N, C-alpha and C. Protein backbone atom coordinates (compact mmCIF):
# COMPACT_ATOMS: atom_id res chain seq x y z
N MET A 1 11.41 16.95 1.13
CA MET A 1 10.51 15.59 1.27
C MET A 1 10.99 14.76 0.41
N SER A 2 11.23 13.45 0.36
CA SER A 2 11.30 12.17 -0.35
C SER A 2 9.89 11.41 -0.63
N VAL A 3 9.65 10.85 -1.63
CA VAL A 3 8.31 10.17 -2.06
C VAL A 3 8.19 9.24 -1.16
N HIS A 4 7.12 8.79 -0.68
CA HIS A 4 6.93 7.59 0.26
C HIS A 4 6.31 6.61 -0.74
N ARG A 5 6.88 5.39 -0.84
CA ARG A 5 6.58 4.50 -1.78
C ARG A 5 5.69 3.45 -1.11
N ILE A 6 4.30 3.58 -1.49
CA ILE A 6 3.72 2.05 -1.04
C ILE A 6 3.56 1.08 -1.95
N GLU A 7 3.96 -0.03 -1.53
CA GLU A 7 4.18 -1.24 -2.19
C GLU A 7 3.16 -2.59 -1.89
N ILE A 8 1.71 -2.61 -2.59
CA ILE A 8 0.98 -3.57 -2.09
C ILE A 8 1.32 -4.88 -2.95
N CYS A 9 2.07 -6.09 -1.91
CA CYS A 9 2.25 -7.24 -2.46
C CYS A 9 1.02 -7.98 -2.94
N THR A 10 1.25 -8.61 -4.03
CA THR A 10 0.13 -9.24 -4.55
C THR A 10 0.25 -11.07 -4.47
N ASP A 11 1.25 -11.29 -3.96
CA ASP A 11 1.46 -12.68 -3.98
C ASP A 11 0.74 -13.23 -2.43
N GLY A 12 -0.02 -14.29 -2.51
CA GLY A 12 -0.92 -14.62 -1.39
C GLY A 12 -1.92 -13.71 -1.04
N LEU A 13 -2.41 -12.97 -1.92
CA LEU A 13 -3.60 -11.62 -1.84
C LEU A 13 -4.83 -12.17 -2.56
N ASP A 14 -5.79 -12.35 -2.33
CA ASP A 14 -7.16 -12.51 -2.75
C ASP A 14 -7.33 -11.23 -3.58
N HIS A 15 -8.48 -11.54 -4.72
CA HIS A 15 -8.99 -10.46 -5.54
C HIS A 15 -9.57 -9.46 -4.71
N GLU A 16 -10.58 -9.71 -3.87
CA GLU A 16 -11.16 -8.82 -2.98
C GLU A 16 -10.45 -7.83 -2.18
N THR A 17 -9.55 -8.57 -1.42
CA THR A 17 -8.66 -7.74 -0.27
C THR A 17 -7.80 -6.89 -1.18
N ARG A 18 -7.28 -7.41 -1.95
CA ARG A 18 -6.63 -6.36 -3.13
C ARG A 18 -7.07 -5.41 -3.17
N GLU A 19 -8.64 -5.19 -3.74
CA GLU A 19 -9.52 -4.03 -4.21
C GLU A 19 -9.85 -3.39 -2.82
N GLN A 20 -9.97 -3.86 -2.12
CA GLN A 20 -10.12 -3.00 -0.45
C GLN A 20 -8.95 -2.08 -0.23
N LEU A 21 -7.59 -2.87 -0.58
CA LEU A 21 -6.57 -2.09 -0.04
C LEU A 21 -6.14 -0.87 -1.07
N LEU A 22 -6.83 -1.23 -2.55
CA LEU A 22 -6.73 -0.12 -3.48
C LEU A 22 -7.68 0.82 -3.34
N GLU A 23 -8.94 0.47 -2.75
CA GLU A 23 -10.07 1.49 -2.47
C GLU A 23 -9.28 2.52 -1.54
N VAL A 24 -8.55 1.97 -0.26
CA VAL A 24 -8.31 2.99 0.60
C VAL A 24 -7.18 3.90 0.15
N VAL A 25 -6.07 3.21 -0.83
CA VAL A 25 -5.17 4.16 -1.29
C VAL A 25 -5.91 5.06 -2.25
N TRP A 26 -6.97 4.99 -2.86
CA TRP A 26 -7.71 5.75 -3.55
C TRP A 26 -8.46 6.77 -3.02
N SER A 27 -9.00 6.49 -1.66
CA SER A 27 -9.79 7.08 -0.91
C SER A 27 -8.90 8.60 -0.23
N GLU A 28 -7.57 7.79 -0.10
CA GLU A 28 -6.99 8.74 0.93
C GLU A 28 -5.91 9.69 0.07
N LEU A 29 -5.37 9.26 -1.23
CA LEU A 29 -4.71 9.77 -1.75
C LEU A 29 -4.88 10.06 -3.51
N ARG A 30 -6.07 9.54 -3.77
CA ARG A 30 -6.72 9.57 -5.07
C ARG A 30 -5.68 9.02 -6.36
N ILE A 31 -4.94 7.93 -5.86
CA ILE A 31 -4.24 7.36 -7.00
C ILE A 31 -4.12 5.87 -7.15
N SER A 32 -3.76 5.38 -8.29
CA SER A 32 -4.06 3.89 -8.57
C SER A 32 -2.56 3.76 -8.87
N PRO A 33 -2.45 2.38 -8.75
CA PRO A 33 -1.04 1.59 -9.20
C PRO A 33 -0.30 2.19 -10.52
N GLY A 34 1.04 2.71 -10.10
CA GLY A 34 1.90 3.32 -11.11
C GLY A 34 1.67 4.75 -11.07
N MET A 35 0.92 5.24 -10.21
CA MET A 35 0.68 7.00 -10.14
C MET A 35 1.41 7.48 -8.91
N VAL A 36 1.69 8.50 -9.04
CA VAL A 36 2.41 9.34 -8.15
C VAL A 36 1.07 10.72 -7.45
N SER A 37 0.95 10.70 -6.18
CA SER A 37 0.14 11.56 -5.79
C SER A 37 0.06 13.00 -6.25
N ALA A 38 -1.02 13.96 -6.03
CA ALA A 38 -0.55 15.43 -6.77
C ALA A 38 0.31 16.01 -6.16
N ASP A 39 0.28 15.93 -5.01
CA ASP A 39 1.42 16.50 -4.21
C ASP A 39 3.04 16.13 -4.31
N GLY A 40 2.91 14.92 -4.93
CA GLY A 40 4.09 14.28 -5.34
C GLY A 40 4.88 13.65 -4.09
N ASN A 41 4.25 13.31 -3.19
CA ASN A 41 4.73 12.72 -1.79
C ASN A 41 4.30 10.98 -1.79
N PHE A 42 3.58 10.55 -2.64
CA PHE A 42 3.40 9.23 -2.55
C PHE A 42 3.29 8.38 -3.82
N GLU A 43 3.78 7.26 -3.79
CA GLU A 43 3.79 6.52 -5.28
C GLU A 43 3.23 5.20 -4.65
N LEU A 44 2.49 4.68 -5.73
CA LEU A 44 1.58 3.28 -5.46
C LEU A 44 2.37 2.34 -6.19
N LEU A 45 2.57 1.19 -5.75
CA LEU A 45 2.89 0.03 -6.95
C LEU A 45 2.07 -1.10 -6.29
N LEU A 46 2.22 -2.00 -7.16
CA LEU A 46 1.80 -3.40 -6.89
C LEU A 46 2.96 -4.50 -7.54
N SER A 47 3.31 -5.26 -6.42
CA SER A 47 4.83 -5.77 -6.75
C SER A 47 4.46 -7.37 -6.01
N ARG A 48 5.38 -8.06 -6.58
CA ARG A 48 5.51 -9.42 -6.07
C ARG A 48 6.74 -9.57 -5.12
N CYS A 49 6.51 -10.14 -3.94
CA CYS A 49 6.99 -10.39 -2.67
C CYS A 49 7.19 -11.45 -2.22
N ALA A 50 8.61 -11.91 -2.20
CA ALA A 50 8.62 -13.55 -2.15
C ALA A 50 8.66 -13.81 -0.58
N GLU A 51 8.71 -12.72 0.10
CA GLU A 51 8.71 -13.13 1.64
C GLU A 51 7.57 -12.78 2.11
N GLY A 52 7.20 -13.75 3.09
CA GLY A 52 5.97 -13.68 4.23
C GLY A 52 4.49 -14.05 3.52
N GLN A 53 4.70 -14.91 2.44
CA GLN A 53 2.96 -14.86 1.69
C GLN A 53 2.10 -15.40 2.69
N GLU A 54 2.50 -16.08 3.63
CA GLU A 54 1.52 -17.01 4.80
C GLU A 54 1.13 -15.81 5.70
N GLU A 55 1.85 -14.41 5.54
CA GLU A 55 1.32 -13.35 6.29
C GLU A 55 0.51 -12.13 5.48
N ALA A 56 0.16 -12.71 4.59
CA ALA A 56 -0.53 -11.59 3.57
C ALA A 56 -1.89 -10.94 4.36
N PRO A 57 -2.41 -10.04 4.13
CA PRO A 57 -1.65 -9.02 2.88
C PRO A 57 -0.50 -8.46 3.51
N LEU A 58 0.42 -8.27 2.53
CA LEU A 58 1.92 -7.57 2.75
C LEU A 58 1.73 -6.27 2.09
N VAL A 59 2.21 -5.06 2.90
CA VAL A 59 2.56 -3.82 2.38
C VAL A 59 3.72 -3.16 2.57
N LYS A 60 4.44 -2.82 1.79
CA LYS A 60 5.91 -2.53 2.02
C LYS A 60 5.63 -0.68 1.99
N LEU A 61 6.24 -0.13 2.75
CA LEU A 61 6.00 1.24 2.88
C LEU A 61 7.55 1.86 2.80
N ASN A 62 7.86 2.62 2.01
CA ASN A 62 9.41 2.73 2.22
C ASN A 62 10.49 1.81 2.18
N GLY A 63 10.05 0.58 1.98
CA GLY A 63 11.07 -0.45 1.95
C GLY A 63 10.57 -1.42 3.52
N ALA A 64 10.03 -0.78 4.43
CA ALA A 64 9.56 -1.50 5.41
C ALA A 64 8.23 -2.42 5.43
N LEU A 65 8.42 -3.44 5.88
CA LEU A 65 7.33 -4.75 5.60
C LEU A 65 6.45 -4.49 6.89
N PHE A 66 5.04 -4.61 6.07
CA PHE A 66 4.02 -4.91 7.18
C PHE A 66 3.16 -5.97 6.91
N VAL A 67 2.92 -6.49 7.79
CA VAL A 67 1.84 -8.02 7.39
C VAL A 67 0.52 -7.86 8.07
N ARG A 68 -0.17 -8.78 7.69
CA ARG A 68 -1.58 -8.83 7.89
C ARG A 68 -2.27 -7.37 7.62
N VAL A 69 -2.30 -6.54 6.76
CA VAL A 69 -2.49 -5.36 6.66
C VAL A 69 -4.01 -5.39 6.48
N THR A 70 -4.76 -4.60 7.35
CA THR A 70 -6.15 -4.55 7.08
C THR A 70 -6.38 -3.21 6.53
N PRO A 71 -7.32 -3.11 5.63
CA PRO A 71 -7.77 -1.49 4.97
C PRO A 71 -7.67 -0.54 5.92
N ASP A 72 -8.04 -0.55 7.28
CA ASP A 72 -8.09 0.42 8.32
C ASP A 72 -6.83 0.64 8.65
N ARG A 73 -5.81 -0.37 8.88
CA ARG A 73 -4.42 -0.10 9.08
C ARG A 73 -3.63 0.24 7.81
N LEU A 74 -3.78 0.12 6.87
CA LEU A 74 -3.27 0.81 5.73
C LEU A 74 -3.57 2.42 5.92
N ALA A 75 -4.86 2.67 5.77
CA ALA A 75 -5.53 4.20 6.04
C ALA A 75 -4.40 4.71 7.05
N ASP A 76 -4.33 4.04 8.06
CA ASP A 76 -3.43 4.76 9.26
C ASP A 76 -2.16 5.26 8.90
N LEU A 77 -1.50 3.99 8.23
CA LEU A 77 -0.02 4.10 8.07
C LEU A 77 -0.11 5.34 6.99
N ILE A 78 -1.06 5.56 5.98
CA ILE A 78 -0.68 6.47 5.16
C ILE A 78 -0.99 8.16 5.75
N ARG A 79 -2.07 7.75 6.77
CA ARG A 79 -2.57 9.30 7.58
C ARG A 79 -1.10 9.69 8.32
N ARG A 80 -0.66 8.73 8.84
CA ARG A 80 0.70 8.86 9.59
C ARG A 80 1.78 9.82 9.15
N ARG A 81 1.73 9.52 7.65
CA ARG A 81 3.15 10.15 6.55
C ARG A 81 2.47 10.95 5.87
N ARG A 82 1.38 11.63 6.06
CA ARG A 82 1.01 12.76 5.65
C ARG A 82 1.32 13.65 6.53
N ARG A 83 1.23 13.73 7.67
CA ARG A 83 1.50 14.93 8.85
C ARG A 83 2.88 15.66 8.62
């Protein structure tokens, strides 16, 4: 099984929203940026994403771009890949 790479794009993202998204990842996987989950299945990165800033928050998951991601949606995306 390959590592699922979660990238939270910081461009166009306000501090409060970024913290909410990071809180979801911590709650679901117990990882912070730059870490890999204990089971080795997830990696979290903060990155700059040139495309789609007007549709922030942007999250890339295994290279697929998701726009206007809410904390609930991010939790759902993570949970779907944990199965």
